[in-house]
Amino acid sequence: MLPEICDALERAGITTPFAIQEMTLSVALMGTDLIGQARTGTGKTLAFGIPVLQRSVAPSDPAYADLPQGKPQALIVAPTRELALQVSNDLHLASKDVGLRVLTVYGGVGYDTQLDALEEGVDIVVGTPGRLIDLANRKALDLSHVHALVLDEADEMLDLGFLPDVERILKLTPETRQTMLFSATMPSAIVALARMHMRHPMNIRAESSYDTTMVPATAQFIYQAHDLDKPEIIGRILQAEDAEKIIVFTRTKRQSQRVADDLAERGFSASPLHGDMAQVAREKALAKFREDKIRVLVATDVAARGIDVRGVSHVINYTCPEDDKTYVHRIGRTGRAGATGTAITFVDWADLHRWKMINKTLDLPFDEPVETYSTSEHLFTDQGIAPGTKGRIVDPKPVEKKERSDRPERGGRGGERGGERGGERPSRNRNRSRTRTRSGETVAEGAETTAPAAAPASGEGDAAPSRNRRRRRRGGSGGGSGQGAGEGQPATAGSGAED
């Protein structure tokens, strides 16, 4: 079966053997547990993929009749959906002439297609921990006959909190299985997991401990940049001499969307890739990026592990990575398979201490990042940008000013109250009929208001007498001629008054 696999890889253009592949193939083909550690981008997928395919039995093989029909023979666990799809595509490519059935299972999509494929029978399953456990709980995935189990990017599964799920998956597989663990870094928790679930594993390290972190063909640049100037810098880097496809890594999903929209507005073909996007949209974005339909992929760390896209010339960290492992895996998306690449990291003033920790851990010579702006001369020199290049290739769209027709002029009153909206203030209608009253009775205009009406005649006793009104005097209690009674007394007509 091995010649068929090699022929399929050769037709696909994969002919360069890597050190990790040469060192692991002889050990893995014997069924020995192993721990493979090599820097990112050095072909770890085929290092475990070829042994898994070689030790599996195809349905066309006469020996397949002795195996449980349709049950998975090998299981490969990946931390992210994109990495699972990448591994599955490589296995499909290598097993094209063999006839092995490879199934990819991951979350974010419906169960129906995956359940139907499992019911028909599969030979190799590649999946993420969550969906694998869901299918096992549904009794649709039987892992009791698996002869090989691979944990790809084990340190990433640890960082994402999948370690308990991985241990549950390990318990569903037989103890006689072959376990292979591959990763670029090897934290203590992964080492403890290997000691607990692996039988005398062989630790294979492709290079020396000083060379396992990063690809030496990747040129690294660390710039201390202002957040508002970063899109302009990226726009100018996109017009550098050797710039091809670029991956921009952001810290948050919202930042990924914002940067992608900003670059698209500048005239560059860019697309975001983050966890809030539907799985179908994420797959389309990656497919367009691979097919050169878009040039810039603005992604969160969902794309930092194992995503192998040819032609990525630059990787840009929009913000300083959280730690050294994140930095290693991000810049490993360029300079793959022997190619050269460029890694650019923007460090904010508040993240200087974080970068110094990364720099010290990885023993890099960038302890003091250079303060850089989009107009800095060293930026043009470092990246091969032509002088006078601007950060956009299309003119900015003019800002549309929306005029509000319902906005009143100064001094006017809006709405439809009187007159036209937004016009002059209409004159008030003063034609009002008013009636003056006193003590509930109508008073004719021009009548005397300082004294109450005279008492009614004796013959008009049935009419209600008018109520006397108290009136205060300001001039004191003494009264004079022409004045009424003193303060507090009612004002009445004198004894000699006329009727």
Foldseek 3Di string as FASTA:
>chain_A
DLVLLQVLCVVVVPDDAFLLLVVQPVVVLVLAAAEEAFFFQGPVLVSNLSSLVVPFAAPVDPCCVVDDFQAEAEEEEEAFLLQLVVSQVSNCSSCVPPHFFEEEDEPLDDCVVVLVSSVNHHHYYGYYLVRVVVCVVVVSHQQANYQEYEYEQVVVCVVVVCVVSVVVVLVRYDLNHHYYYYHLDADPVNVVVCVVRHDPYHYDYSDDPLRRQADPLEAEAEAAEDLVQVLWLVLQLCQAPLAFAEEEEEADQVVQVVSQVVLVLLPAFEDEAEDVDRPVVNVVRLVCCLVVVHRYYYYYCSCLPNNAHPPHAEYEYSEDDQALNSVRSRSSNPCHPPRHHYYYYHYYPVCLVRVCRNCVVSVHPPNDHHHDGSQDPVSCVVSRGDPPDTSGDDDHDDDDDDDDPQDADPPEDGDDPDDDRNDHHDDDDPPDDDFDDDPRHTDDPPDDDPFDDDFDDPVPVVDDTDDFDADADPPAQDDDPPDAHGGPDTGDDDPPDDD
